[in-house]
Each structure stands twice: as C-alpha cells, then as structure tokens.
C-alpha cells in the first residue's frame, strides 16, 4: 500500500560521490541500522514493498567493500543478512517519472520516484543530511506553459527507528484514505490491520459496505484504534475504554439471558464464541463486537459489525 524507496544518494558522499563509509567497520555499523530500520517498517506494516535502483545491489559501502561483500561477510550478523535478503529478493525497481528531484546539484532518481508514489524514502544514516525524518530537495518540472519550474519539496524519510514514529500519523491517514469501501478493508487487512482477525460474519458485513454509509468513517476509525491498542498492549488489563464508545462489556442482564447471549455468539478463528465487548457509534447506532486473544500475533477477533443488538432494555 505504501512503498519504501531506497535512497541511493545516502550511500555516497555528496561532494566526491565516493562510498559513504570510510572503512568496512563503519559500513557494517551503518548497514546494521539500515536493516533494523527496514525491518521495523515491514514488521509494523508501515511499508508493504521496497523499490530500489537497478544498480543498487552492486553499490559500494566503503572503498574496498561492496554490498555483495557485506552480504557474504561472516562478521555480519546472520539474521541481518537473512532479513536484508528477504527484503530485496522480490523488490521491484524504481519507476521512471517525468519530474526530477535534485539534492544540491545531484539528481535523485529514487527520491523522485518516492515523491511520485507518495512513498517513504529509506536512507543510510551516513550523515546528518539523511539521518532525519524529512529530506528537502528541488523539484524540477514543466509548468502549464512548458517552461521549467523549480520548487522545494519535503520527502518523508527514515534512517533510524525513531523516524517511523515521526510519520505514524501521515502513514495512518494515507492508509485510511485508500480504504474507500468494505471490500478494500478486506483486501488490505493483512497490511493495515495485522493484529486484527475478522470472523466470517464480520467479513461478509464488511464486504457489503459501499463506503457511502454515514457510519463508514466511524468503522475505519474504530478499526484503526483497535489495531493501535492491540499492537501496543503488552501486559495488564486491556484498555477497552480507549476504544470508541468507549467500548465496554455487556450488562449482567445480557450475560444472564441465554437468548440475548446467543445473539452475541459469532464465528471466529476457533469456532463460535461469545463476543461481549463492543465499540459503539451512538449517532448511527452501530456496534463492533470483538474478542481478545492472548499469546498470539493477532490479539483481537472482530466478530460482528452492524446495528446495535437487542438488550433487555432495547
């Protein structure tokens, strides 16, 4: 959904175009940070693909030390090498775009592709120009009169783990803007909601949503809130009250009524289960019923998305 694009310029010194690192030890240190940063982007689903230039896999990291040499270096942590291999094995190449981006007087093909796709640049933290959450460049394009126009642009960039936090809100808003109907939620659920599992009934209910429902945005907001809370939940009671509504369990009268309780039994990954906790949209009278899982990557099962269910009072 959101592309990461490797910033080739961060692998060289801007003035001399020599490799960014002066020696192998420094190159290994920089690559370790680079791999960890990439890994976090994929792990948290902030990026779904990684693009690179056709020449990237032969790049020199230090004067006598290339990327292929690093990949075969026994001094490099084996997990880091394995992770990096998994990231670039199926990586598509950077797409050519009409607009050009320059940093200084150097053309930045990767940054231009990143800007065109509204992606995120991934840089080697080789100097302060790249070890920051935004890269400033000059965009060269043709205006309506076919004259060359130049403007400053800020491109999202990550070079260490902290930079992902800086972009969390913009990434979430971008992901949300792509989900315009229920079928798209289902299609992208593995990417956007990795900690949520949708039962068969909830899948059917989402598939039926056109995106024109007045409560559709509330459903998106609720699911994103659930993803955030489950992802951050490591110990102690789950913070139901931070979910829209605020979310709560059922009343004692519902719990004690076989008929009302049965209305809240929904298909999950483990059969038919009681999903008493629910998020609430008072204005549209909608509910999302869910069940928590512990000890698994997916910590919440969504069992029901629809109108308020019957209670003893309603």
C-alpha atoms as a PDB file:
ATOM      1  CA  UNK A   1       0.000   0.000   0.000  1.00  0.00           C
ATOM      2  CA  UNK A   2       2.827   2.399   0.903  1.00  0.00           C
ATOM      3  CA  UNK A   3       6.143   1.957  -0.853  1.00  0.00           C
ATOM      4  CA  UNK A   4       9.549   2.266   0.688  1.00  0.00           C
ATOM      5  CA  UNK A   5      12.161   3.528  -1.768  1.00  0.00           C
ATOM      6  CA  UNK A   6      15.890   3.134  -1.143  1.00  0.00           C
ATOM      7  CA  UNK A   7      17.661   6.476  -1.315  1.00  0.00           C
ATOM      8  CA  UNK A   8      20.828   5.703  -3.310  1.00  0.00           C
ATOM      9  CA  UNK A   9      22.310   9.124  -2.583  1.00  0.00           C
ATOM     10  CA  UNK A  10      22.683   8.228   1.074  1.00  0.00           C
ATOM     11  CA  UNK A  11      25.179   5.529   0.093  1.00  0.00           C
ATOM     12  CA  UNK A  12      27.688   8.051  -1.306  1.00  0.00           C
ATOM     13  CA  UNK A  13      29.386  11.240  -0.192  1.00  0.00           C
ATOM     14  CA  UNK A  14      27.651  14.092  -1.953  1.00  0.00           C
ATOM     15  CA  UNK A  15      30.726  16.062  -2.993  1.00  0.00           C
ATOM     16  CA  UNK A  16      33.009  13.257  -4.124  1.00  0.00           C
ATOM     17  CA  UNK A  17      30.470  10.522  -4.931  1.00  0.00           C
ATOM     18  CA  UNK A  18      32.754   8.121  -3.079  1.00  0.00           C
ATOM     19  CA  UNK A  19      31.217   5.422  -0.831  1.00  0.00           C
ATOM     20  CA  UNK A  20      29.575   6.834   2.295  1.00  0.00           C
ATOM     21  CA  UNK A  21      31.676   4.819   4.762  1.00  0.00           C
ATOM     22  CA  UNK A  22      35.431   5.248   5.040  1.00  0.00           C
ATOM     23  CA  UNK A  23      36.072   1.672   6.166  1.00  0.00           C
ATOM     24  CA  UNK A  24      34.428  -1.729   6.487  1.00  0.00           C
ATOM     25  CA  UNK A  25      33.696  -1.446  10.214  1.00  0.00           C
ATOM     26  CA  UNK A  26      31.739   1.758   9.717  1.00  0.00           C
ATOM     27  CA  UNK A  27      29.944   0.258   6.716  1.00  0.00           C
ATOM     28  CA  UNK A  28      28.833  -2.729   8.806  1.00  0.00           C
ATOM     29  CA  UNK A  29      27.555  -0.414  11.548  1.00  0.00           C
ATOM     30  CA  UNK A  30      25.589   1.704   9.078  1.00  0.00           C
ATOM     31  CA  UNK A  31      24.107  -1.364   7.386  1.00  0.00           C
ATOM     32  CA  UNK A  32      23.032  -2.783  10.739  1.00  0.00           C
ATOM     33  CA  UNK A  33      20.987   0.373  11.432  1.00  0.00           C
ATOM     34  CA  UNK A  34      19.646   0.302   7.876  1.00  0.00           C
ATOM     35  CA  UNK A  35      18.441  -3.309   8.135  1.00  0.00           C
ATOM     36  CA  UNK A  36      16.850  -2.785  11.558  1.00  0.00           C
ATOM     37  CA  UNK A  37      15.040   0.308  10.261  1.00  0.00           C
ATOM     38  CA  UNK A  38      13.747  -1.529   7.199  1.00  0.00           C
ATOM     39  CA  UNK A  39      12.702  -4.481   9.334  1.00  0.00           C
ATOM     40  CA  UNK A  40      10.610  -2.234  11.582  1.00  0.00           C
ATOM     41  CA  UNK A  41       8.839  -0.732   8.579  1.00  0.00           C
ATOM     42  CA  UNK A  42       7.840  -4.156   7.273  1.00  0.00           C
ATOM     43  CA  UNK A  43       7.073  -5.578  10.725  1.00  0.00           C
ATOM     44  CA  UNK A  44       4.655  -2.784  11.577  1.00  0.00           C
ATOM     45  CA  UNK A  45       3.199  -2.769   8.031  1.00  0.00           C
ATOM     46  CA  UNK A  46       4.127   0.869   7.516  1.00  0.00           C
ATOM     47  CA  UNK A  47       5.517  -0.135   4.127  1.00  0.00           C
ATOM     48  CA  UNK A  48       4.373  -3.054   2.008  1.00  0.00           C
ATOM     49  CA  UNK A  49       7.001  -3.005  -0.756  1.00  0.00           C
ATOM     50  CA  UNK A  50      10.545  -1.755  -1.257  1.00  0.00           C
ATOM     51  CA  UNK A  51      11.787  -0.248  -4.507  1.00  0.00           C
ATOM     52  CA  UNK A  52      15.438   0.190  -5.483  1.00  0.00           C
ATOM     53  CA  UNK A  53      17.511   1.267  -8.469  1.00  0.00           C
ATOM     54  CA  UNK A  54      18.773  -1.345 -10.916  1.00  0.00           C
ATOM     55  CA  UNK A  55      22.346  -0.675  -9.780  1.00  0.00           C
ATOM     56  CA  UNK A  56      21.717  -0.771  -6.037  1.00  0.00           C
ATOM     57  CA  UNK A  57      22.698  -4.374  -5.388  1.00  0.00           C
ATOM     58  CA  UNK A  58      26.229  -3.640  -6.608  1.00  0.00           C
ATOM     59  CA  UNK A  59      26.673  -0.425  -4.591  1.00  0.00           C
ATOM     60  CA  UNK A  60      29.955   0.121  -2.739  1.00  0.00           C
ATOM     61  CA  UNK A  61      29.572   0.661   1.011  1.00  0.00           C
ATOM     62  CA  UNK A  62      33.262   1.508   1.575  1.00  0.00           C
ATOM     63  CA  UNK A  63      36.143   1.975  -0.889  1.00  0.00           C
ATOM     64  CA  UNK A  64      37.027  -1.732  -0.953  1.00  0.00           C
ATOM     65  CA  UNK A  65      33.766  -3.142   0.388  1.00  0.00           C
ATOM     66  CA  UNK A  66      30.651  -3.676  -1.761  1.00  0.00           C
ATOM     67  CA  UNK A  67      27.123  -4.663  -0.864  1.00  0.00           C
ATOM     68  CA  UNK A  68      27.699  -8.207  -2.245  1.00  0.00           C
ATOM     69  CA  UNK A  69      30.774  -8.458   0.005  1.00  0.00           C
ATOM     70  CA  UNK A  70      28.698  -7.373   3.001  1.00  0.00           C
ATOM     71  CA  UNK A  71      26.042  -9.973   2.190  1.00  0.00           C
ATOM     72  CA  UNK A  72      28.709 -12.698   2.325  1.00  0.00           C
ATOM     73  CA  UNK A  73      30.660 -11.299   5.281  1.00  0.00           C
ATOM     74  CA  UNK A  74      30.720 -13.770   8.212  1.00  0.00           C
ATOM     75  CA  UNK A  75      31.376 -10.832  10.544  1.00  0.00           C
ATOM     76  CA  UNK A  76      27.889  -9.525   9.813  1.00  0.00           C
ATOM     77  CA  UNK A  77      25.061 -10.865  11.970  1.00  0.00           C
ATOM     78  CA  UNK A  78      23.481 -13.767  10.093  1.00  0.00           C
ATOM     79  CA  UNK A  79      19.935 -12.624  10.924  1.00  0.00           C
ATOM     80  CA  UNK A  80      20.640  -9.191   9.477  1.00  0.00           C
ATOM     81  CA  UNK A  81      21.919 -10.698   6.249  1.00  0.00           C
ATOM     82  CA  UNK A  82      18.924 -13.019   6.049  1.00  0.00           C
ATOM     83  CA  UNK A  83      16.463 -10.193   6.688  1.00  0.00           C
ATOM     84  CA  UNK A  84      18.083  -7.987   4.075  1.00  0.00           C
ATOM     85  CA  UNK A  85      17.983 -10.794   1.526  1.00  0.00           C
ATOM     86  CA  UNK A  86      14.255 -11.264   2.170  1.00  0.00           C
ATOM     87  CA  UNK A  87      13.612  -7.524   1.693  1.00  0.00           C
ATOM     88  CA  UNK A  88      15.316  -7.188  -1.684  1.00  0.00           C
ATOM     89  CA  UNK A  89      14.692 -10.606  -3.249  1.00  0.00           C
ATOM     90  CA  UNK A  90      11.370  -9.556  -4.763  1.00  0.00           C
ATOM     91  CA  UNK A  91      11.873  -5.781  -4.706  1.00  0.00           C
ATOM     92  CA  UNK A  92      10.685  -4.001  -7.846  1.00  0.00           C
ATOM     93  CA  UNK A  93      12.911  -1.417  -9.492  1.00  0.00           C
ATOM     94  CA  UNK A  94      12.305   2.310  -9.210  1.00  0.00           C
ATOM     95  CA  UNK A  95       9.852   3.536 -11.816  1.00  0.00           C
ATOM     96  CA  UNK A  96      10.902   6.306 -14.177  1.00  0.00           C
ATOM     97  CA  UNK A  97       8.953   9.540 -13.660  1.00  0.00           C
ATOM     98  CA  UNK A  98       8.819  12.735 -15.691  1.00  0.00           C
ATOM     99  CA  UNK A  99       9.648  15.044 -12.803  1.00  0.00           C
ATOM    100  CA  UNK A 100      13.173  15.303 -11.454  1.00  0.00           C
ATOM    101  CA  UNK A 101      14.314  15.863  -7.888  1.00  0.00           C
ATOM    102  CA  UNK A 102      17.735  17.278  -7.088  1.00  0.00           C
ATOM    103  CA  UNK A 103      19.576  17.420  -3.776  1.00  0.00           C
ATOM    104  CA  UNK A 104      22.216  20.039  -4.230  1.00  0.00           C
ATOM    105  CA  UNK A 105      23.164  19.600  -7.884  1.00  0.00           C
ATOM    106  CA  UNK A 106      22.779  15.810  -7.830  1.00  0.00           C
ATOM    107  CA  UNK A 107      19.786  14.147  -9.495  1.00  0.00           C
ATOM    108  CA  UNK A 108      17.952  11.868  -7.062  1.00  0.00           C
ATOM    109  CA  UNK A 109      16.072   9.267  -9.084  1.00  0.00           C
ATOM    110  CA  UNK A 110      14.932   7.371  -6.001  1.00  0.00           C
ATOM    111  CA  UNK A 111      13.587  10.477  -4.290  1.00  0.00           C
ATOM    112  CA  UNK A 112      11.721  11.478  -7.465  1.00  0.00           C
ATOM    113  CA  UNK A 113      10.078   8.044  -7.615  1.00  0.00           C
ATOM    114  CA  UNK A 114       9.291   8.253  -3.920  1.00  0.00           C
ATOM    115  CA  UNK A 115       7.648  11.656  -4.326  1.00  0.00           C
ATOM    116  CA  UNK A 116       5.578  10.476  -7.307  1.00  0.00           C
ATOM    117  CA  UNK A 117       4.239   7.436  -5.427  1.00  0.00           C
ATOM    118  CA  UNK A 118       3.793   9.268  -2.111  1.00  0.00           C
ATOM    119  CA  UNK A 119       6.123   6.694  -0.607  1.00  0.00           C
ATOM    120  CA  UNK A 120       8.794   6.853   2.076  1.00  0.00           C
ATOM    121  CA  UNK A 121      12.491   7.198   1.390  1.00  0.00           C
ATOM    122  CA  UNK A 122      14.715   4.757   3.304  1.00  0.00           C
ATOM    123  CA  UNK A 123      18.224   6.115   3.781  1.00  0.00           C
ATOM    124  CA  UNK A 124      21.555   5.008   5.136  1.00  0.00           C
ATOM    125  CA  UNK A 125      22.275   7.136   8.218  1.00  0.00           C
ATOM    126  CA  UNK A 126      25.616   8.136   6.705  1.00  0.00           C
ATOM    127  CA  UNK A 127      25.417  11.826   7.601  1.00  0.00           C
ATOM    128  CA  UNK A 128      23.033  14.433   9.006  1.00  0.00           C
ATOM    129  CA  UNK A 129      21.594  15.182   5.564  1.00  0.00           C
ATOM    130  CA  UNK A 130      19.941  11.752   5.573  1.00  0.00           C
ATOM    131  CA  UNK A 131      19.571  10.963   9.275  1.00  0.00           C
ATOM    132  CA  UNK A 132      16.381  12.992   9.582  1.00  0.00           C
ATOM    133  CA  UNK A 133      12.635  12.409   9.024  1.00  0.00           C
ATOM    134  CA  UNK A 134      12.378  14.719   6.001  1.00  0.00           C
ATOM    135  CA  UNK A 135      14.668  15.223   3.027  1.00  0.00           C
ATOM    136  CA  UNK A 136      14.455  18.603   1.292  1.00  0.00           C
ATOM    137  CA  UNK A 137      15.001  18.606  -2.445  1.00  0.00           C
ATOM    138  CA  UNK A 138      14.347  20.719  -5.504  1.00  0.00           C
ATOM    139  CA  UNK A 139      11.570  19.526  -7.802  1.00  0.00           C
ATOM    140  CA  UNK A 140      12.112  20.348 -11.478  1.00  0.00           C
ATOM    141  CA  UNK A 141       9.054  20.127 -13.696  1.00  0.00           C
ATOM    142  CA  UNK A 142       7.318  21.756 -16.640  1.00  0.00           C
ATOM    143  CA  UNK A 143       4.583  24.277 -15.881  1.00  0.00           C
ATOM    144  CA  UNK A 144       1.450  24.822 -17.970  1.00  0.00           C
ATOM    145  CA  UNK A 145       3.414  26.997 -20.360  1.00  0.00           C
ATOM    146  CA  UNK A 146       6.014  24.265 -20.921  1.00  0.00           C
ATOM    147  CA  UNK A 147       8.566  26.337 -19.031  1.00  0.00           C
ATOM    148  CA  UNK A 148      10.848  24.738 -16.453  1.00  0.00           C
ATOM    149  CA  UNK A 149       9.647  25.341 -12.899  1.00  0.00           C
ATOM    150  CA  UNK A 150      11.570  24.690  -9.710  1.00  0.00           C
ATOM    151  CA  UNK A 151      10.110  24.282  -6.237  1.00  0.00           C
ATOM    152  CA  UNK A 152      11.229  22.964  -2.876  1.00  0.00           C
ATOM    153  CA  UNK A 153       9.745  19.651  -1.733  1.00  0.00           C
ATOM    154  CA  UNK A 154       9.900  17.744   1.555  1.00  0.00           C
ATOM    155  CA  UNK A 155      10.010  13.963   1.205  1.00  0.00           C
ATOM    156  CA  UNK A 156       9.276  11.583   4.058  1.00  0.00           C
ATOM    157  CA  UNK A 157      12.426   9.769   5.088  1.00  0.00           C
ATOM    158  CA  UNK A 158      13.541   7.165   7.628  1.00  0.00           C
ATOM    159  CA  UNK A 159      17.105   6.362   8.622  1.00  0.00           C
ATOM    160  CA  UNK A 160      16.527   5.038  12.146  1.00  0.00           C
ATOM    161  CA  UNK A 161      13.714   3.560  14.230  1.00  0.00           C
ATOM    162  CA  UNK A 162      12.596   6.908  15.666  1.00  0.00           C
ATOM    163  CA  UNK A 163      11.723   8.265  12.248  1.00  0.00           C
ATOM    164  CA  UNK A 164       8.895   5.738  11.846  1.00  0.00           C
ATOM    165  CA  UNK A 165       7.219   7.351  14.865  1.00  0.00           C
ATOM    166  CA  UNK A 166       7.502  10.780  13.221  1.00  0.00           C
ATOM    167  CA  UNK A 167       5.499   9.503  10.253  1.00  0.00           C
ATOM    168  CA  UNK A 168       2.912   7.380  12.083  1.00  0.00           C
ATOM    169  CA  UNK A 169       0.057   9.861  11.651  1.00  0.00           C
ATOM    170  CA  UNK A 170       0.711  10.552   7.971  1.00  0.00           C
ATOM    171  CA  UNK A 171       1.036   6.825   7.239  1.00  0.00           C
ATOM    172  CA  UNK A 172      -2.224   6.075   9.005  1.00  0.00           C
ATOM    173  CA  UNK A 173      -4.043   8.870   7.177  1.00  0.00           C
ATOM    174  CA  UNK A 174      -2.669   7.646   3.845  1.00  0.00           C
ATOM    175  CA  UNK A 175      -3.721   4.078   4.564  1.00  0.00           C
ATOM    176  CA  UNK A 176      -7.150   5.250   5.662  1.00  0.00           C
ATOM    177  CA  UNK A 177      -7.657   7.302   2.510  1.00  0.00           C
ATOM    178  CA  UNK A 178      -7.095   4.164   0.406  1.00  0.00           C
ATOM    179  CA  UNK A 179      -9.895   2.268   2.142  1.00  0.00           C
ATOM    180  CA  UNK A 180     -12.981   3.637   0.426  1.00  0.00           C
ATOM    181  CA  UNK A 181     -15.224   0.561   0.631  1.00  0.00           C
ATOM    182  CA  UNK A 182     -15.574  -2.570   2.720  1.00  0.00           C
ATOM    183  CA  UNK A 183     -14.017  -4.830   0.087  1.00  0.00           C
ATOM    184  CA  UNK A 184     -10.831  -2.750   0.277  1.00  0.00           C
ATOM    185  CA  UNK A 185     -10.678  -3.212   4.038  1.00  0.00           C
ATOM    186  CA  UNK A 186     -10.831  -6.957   3.472  1.00  0.00           C
ATOM    187  CA  UNK A 187      -8.251  -6.825   0.688  1.00  0.00           C
ATOM    188  CA  UNK A 188      -5.744  -4.812   2.734  1.00  0.00           C
ATOM    189  CA  UNK A 189      -6.489  -6.218   6.192  1.00  0.00           C
ATOM    190  CA  UNK A 190      -3.211  -8.141   6.453  1.00  0.00           C
ATOM    191  CA  UNK A 191      -1.279  -4.955   5.718  1.00  0.00           C
ATOM    192  CA  UNK A 192      -3.284  -2.349   7.604  1.00  0.00           C
ATOM    193  CA  UNK A 193      -4.674  -4.408  10.495  1.00  0.00           C
ATOM    194  CA  UNK A 194      -2.069  -7.116  11.200  1.00  0.00           C
ATOM    195  CA  UNK A 195      -3.209  -7.564  14.827  1.00  0.00           C
ATOM    196  CA  UNK A 196      -6.901  -7.988  13.964  1.00  0.00           C
ATOM    197  CA  UNK A 197      -8.598 -11.143  12.728  1.00  0.00           C
ATOM    198  CA  UNK A 198     -12.026 -10.899  11.106  1.00  0.00           C
ATOM    199  CA  UNK A 199     -14.549 -13.689  11.623  1.00  0.00           C
ATOM    200  CA  UNK A 200     -16.562 -14.934   8.657  1.00  0.00           C
ATOM    201  CA  UNK A 201     -19.628 -12.943   9.660  1.00  0.00           C
ATOM    202  CA  UNK A 202     -17.644  -9.705  10.006  1.00  0.00           C
ATOM    203  CA  UNK A 203     -16.020 -10.316   6.618  1.00  0.00           C
ATOM    204  CA  UNK A 204     -19.456 -10.620   4.987  1.00  0.00           C
ATOM    205  CA  UNK A 205     -20.638  -7.474   6.770  1.00  0.00           C
ATOM    206  CA  UNK A 206     -17.606  -5.512   5.593  1.00  0.00           C
ATOM    207  CA  UNK A 207     -17.960  -6.793   2.032  1.00  0.00           C
ATOM    208  CA  UNK A 208     -21.468  -5.348   1.939  1.00  0.00           C
ATOM    209  CA  UNK A 209     -20.305  -1.815   2.790  1.00  0.00           C
ATOM    210  CA  UNK A 210     -20.127   0.532  -0.195  1.00  0.00           C
ATOM    211  CA  UNK A 211     -18.284   3.296   1.651  1.00  0.00           C
ATOM    212  CA  UNK A 212     -21.256   5.660   1.274  1.00  0.00           C
ATOM    213  CA  UNK A 213     -22.736   4.725   4.664  1.00  0.00           C
ATOM    214  CA  UNK A 214     -22.716   7.643   7.096  1.00  0.00           C
ATOM    215  CA  UNK A 215     -21.007   5.430   9.678  1.00  0.00           C
ATOM    216  CA  UNK A 216     -18.307   4.091   7.316  1.00  0.00           C
ATOM    217  CA  UNK A 217     -15.688   6.553   8.573  1.00  0.00           C
ATOM    218  CA  UNK A 218     -16.538   5.565  12.148  1.00  0.00           C
ATOM    219  CA  UNK A 219     -15.887   1.903  11.311  1.00  0.00           C
ATOM    220  CA  UNK A 220     -12.483   2.820   9.868  1.00  0.00           C
ATOM    221  CA  UNK A 221     -11.635   4.950  12.901  1.00  0.00           C
ATOM    222  CA  UNK A 222     -12.680   2.156  15.260  1.00  0.00           C
ATOM    223  CA  UNK A 223     -10.618  -0.490  13.440  1.00  0.00           C
ATOM    224  CA  UNK A 224      -7.535   1.719  13.344  1.00  0.00           C
ATOM    225  CA  UNK A 225      -7.961   2.470  17.058  1.00  0.00           C
ATOM    226  CA  UNK A 226      -8.269  -1.249  17.804  1.00  0.00           C
ATOM    227  CA  UNK A 227      -5.139  -2.010  15.775  1.00  0.00           C
ATOM    228  CA  UNK A 228      -3.170   0.614  17.698  1.00  0.00           C
ATOM    229  CA  UNK A 229      -4.300  -0.504  21.139  1.00  0.00           C
ATOM    230  CA  UNK A 230      -3.758  -4.212  20.448  1.00  0.00           C
ATOM    231  CA  UNK A 231      -0.335  -3.577  18.921  1.00  0.00           C
ATOM    232  CA  UNK A 232       0.729  -1.592  21.992  1.00  0.00           C
ATOM    233  CA  UNK A 233      -0.834  -3.958  24.541  1.00  0.00           C
ATOM    234  CA  UNK A 234       1.952  -5.880  26.252  1.00  0.00           C
ATOM    235  CA  UNK A 235       0.706  -6.536  29.782  1.00  0.00           C
ATOM    236  CA  UNK A 236      -2.063  -5.828  32.274  1.00  0.00           C
ATOM    237  CA  UNK A 237      -5.779  -5.377  31.542  1.00  0.00           C
ATOM    238  CA  UNK A 238      -6.684  -4.422  28.002  1.00  0.00           C
ATOM    239  CA  UNK A 239      -7.707  -0.717  27.764  1.00  0.00           C
ATOM    240  CA  UNK A 240     -11.223  -1.226  26.392  1.00  0.00           C
ATOM    241  CA  UNK A 241     -12.114   2.309  27.470  1.00  0.00           C
ATOM    242  CA  UNK A 242      -9.715   3.806  24.921  1.00  0.00           C
ATOM    243  CA  UNK A 243     -11.678   2.314  22.034  1.00  0.00           C
ATOM    244  CA  UNK A 244     -14.608   4.278  20.534  1.00  0.00           C
ATOM    245  CA  UNK A 245     -17.743   4.413  22.630  1.00  0.00           C
ATOM    246  CA  UNK A 246     -15.993   3.941  24.984  1.00  0.00           C
ATOM    247  CA  UNK A 247     -16.044   0.196  24.418  1.00  0.00           C
ATOM    248  CA  UNK A 248     -17.419  -1.992  27.195  1.00  0.00           C
ATOM    249  CA  UNK A 249     -18.685  -5.443  28.017  1.00  0.00           C
ATOM    250  CA  UNK A 250     -22.347  -6.441  28.169  1.00  0.00           C
ATOM    251  CA  UNK A 251     -24.632  -5.824  31.107  1.00  0.00           C
ATOM    252  CA  UNK A 252     -25.320  -8.553  33.615  1.00  0.00           C
ATOM    253  CA  UNK A 253     -28.850  -8.955  32.252  1.00  0.00           C
ATOM    254  CA  UNK A 254     -27.454  -9.779  28.796  1.00  0.00           C
ATOM    255  CA  UNK A 255     -24.863 -12.141  30.230  1.00  0.00           C
ATOM    256  CA  UNK A 256     -27.550 -13.952  32.250  1.00  0.00           C
ATOM    257  CA  UNK A 257     -30.003 -14.292  29.355  1.00  0.00           C
ATOM    258  CA  UNK A 258     -29.398 -17.363  27.129  1.00  0.00           C
ATOM    259  CA  UNK A 259     -31.366 -15.737  24.291  1.00  0.00           C
ATOM    260  CA  UNK A 260     -29.539 -12.388  24.400  1.00  0.00           C
ATOM    261  CA  UNK A 261     -26.195 -14.057  24.975  1.00  0.00           C
ATOM    262  CA  UNK A 262     -26.758 -16.300  21.959  1.00  0.00           C
ATOM    263  CA  UNK A 263     -27.243 -13.210  19.785  1.00  0.00           C
ATOM    264  CA  UNK A 264     -23.630 -12.307  20.563  1.00  0.00           C
ATOM    265  CA  UNK A 265     -22.159 -15.670  19.558  1.00  0.00           C
ATOM    266  CA  UNK A 266     -20.170 -15.139  16.348  1.00  0.00           C
ATOM    267  CA  UNK A 267     -17.854 -17.160  14.087  1.00  0.00           C
ATOM    268  CA  UNK A 268     -14.188 -16.710  14.985  1.00  0.00           C
ATOM    269  CA  UNK A 269     -10.979 -18.499  14.126  1.00  0.00           C
ATOM    270  CA  UNK A 270     -11.787 -21.039  16.847  1.00  0.00           C
ATOM    271  CA  UNK A 271     -15.448 -21.747  16.162  1.00  0.00           C
ATOM    272  CA  UNK A 272     -18.491 -19.920  17.519  1.00  0.00           C
ATOM    273  CA  UNK A 273     -17.616 -17.715  20.502  1.00  0.00           C
ATOM    274  CA  UNK A 274     -19.219 -15.143  22.778  1.00  0.00           C
ATOM    275  CA  UNK A 275     -18.037 -11.634  21.832  1.00  0.00           C
ATOM    276  CA  UNK A 276     -19.419  -9.435  24.566  1.00  0.00           C
ATOM    277  CA  UNK A 277     -17.088  -6.438  24.331  1.00  0.00           C
ATOM    278  CA  UNK A 278     -18.129  -3.896  21.757  1.00  0.00           C
ATOM    279  CA  UNK A 279     -17.228  -0.492  20.338  1.00  0.00           C
ATOM    280  CA  UNK A 280     -20.115   1.937  19.987  1.00  0.00           C
ATOM    281  CA  UNK A 281     -21.213   4.536  17.472  1.00  0.00           C
ATOM    282  CA  UNK A 282     -24.091   6.220  19.261  1.00  0.00           C
ATOM    283  CA  UNK A 283     -25.101   8.568  16.459  1.00  0.00           C
ATOM    284  CA  UNK A 284     -25.604   5.794  13.902  1.00  0.00           C
ATOM    285  CA  UNK A 285     -26.472   3.086  16.458  1.00  0.00           C
ATOM    286  CA  UNK A 286     -23.687   0.812  15.189  1.00  0.00           C
ATOM    287  CA  UNK A 287     -21.584  -1.698  17.117  1.00  0.00           C
ATOM    288  CA  UNK A 288     -18.387  -3.668  16.577  1.00  0.00           C
ATOM    289  CA  UNK A 289     -18.238  -6.770  18.771  1.00  0.00           C
ATOM    290  CA  UNK A 290     -14.843  -8.305  19.435  1.00  0.00           C
ATOM    291  CA  UNK A 291     -12.972 -10.926  21.418  1.00  0.00           C
ATOM    292  CA  UNK A 292      -9.417 -10.645  22.744  1.00  0.00           C
ATOM    293  CA  UNK A 293      -6.728 -13.232  22.156  1.00  0.00           C
ATOM    294  CA  UNK A 294      -3.628 -13.549  24.315  1.00  0.00           C
ATOM    295  CA  UNK A 295      -0.299 -15.074  23.360  1.00  0.00           C
ATOM    296  CA  UNK A 296      -0.843 -14.695  19.604  1.00  0.00           C
ATOM    297  CA  UNK A 297       0.289 -12.200  16.966  1.00  0.00           C
ATOM    298  CA  UNK A 298      -3.307 -11.261  16.289  1.00  0.00           C
ATOM    299  CA  UNK A 299      -4.701 -10.094  19.583  1.00  0.00           C
ATOM    300  CA  UNK A 300      -8.301  -9.277  18.628  1.00  0.00           C
ATOM    301  CA  UNK A 301     -11.014 -11.105  16.709  1.00  0.00           C
ATOM    302  CA  UNK A 302     -13.744  -8.945  15.156  1.00  0.00           C
ATOM    303  CA  UNK A 303     -16.948 -10.956  15.318  1.00  0.00           C
ATOM    304  CA  UNK A 304     -19.687  -8.527  14.315  1.00  0.00           C
ATOM    305  CA  UNK A 305     -20.019  -5.152  12.562  1.00  0.00           C
ATOM    306  CA  UNK A 306     -23.559  -3.877  12.374  1.00  0.00           C
ATOM    307  CA  UNK A 307     -26.591  -2.375  14.159  1.00  0.00           C
ATOM    308  CA  UNK A 308     -26.970  -2.357  17.928  1.00  0.00           C
ATOM    309  CA  UNK A 309     -28.087  -5.794  19.087  1.00  0.00           C
ATOM    310  CA  UNK A 310     -31.145  -6.333  21.253  1.00  0.00           C
ATOM    311  CA  UNK A 311     -30.788  -5.950  25.028  1.00  0.00           C
ATOM    312  CA  UNK A 312     -33.203  -6.327  27.919  1.00  0.00           C
ATOM    313  CA  UNK A 313     -33.983  -2.611  27.677  1.00  0.00           C
ATOM    314  CA  UNK A 314     -33.736  -2.078  23.902  1.00  0.00           C
END
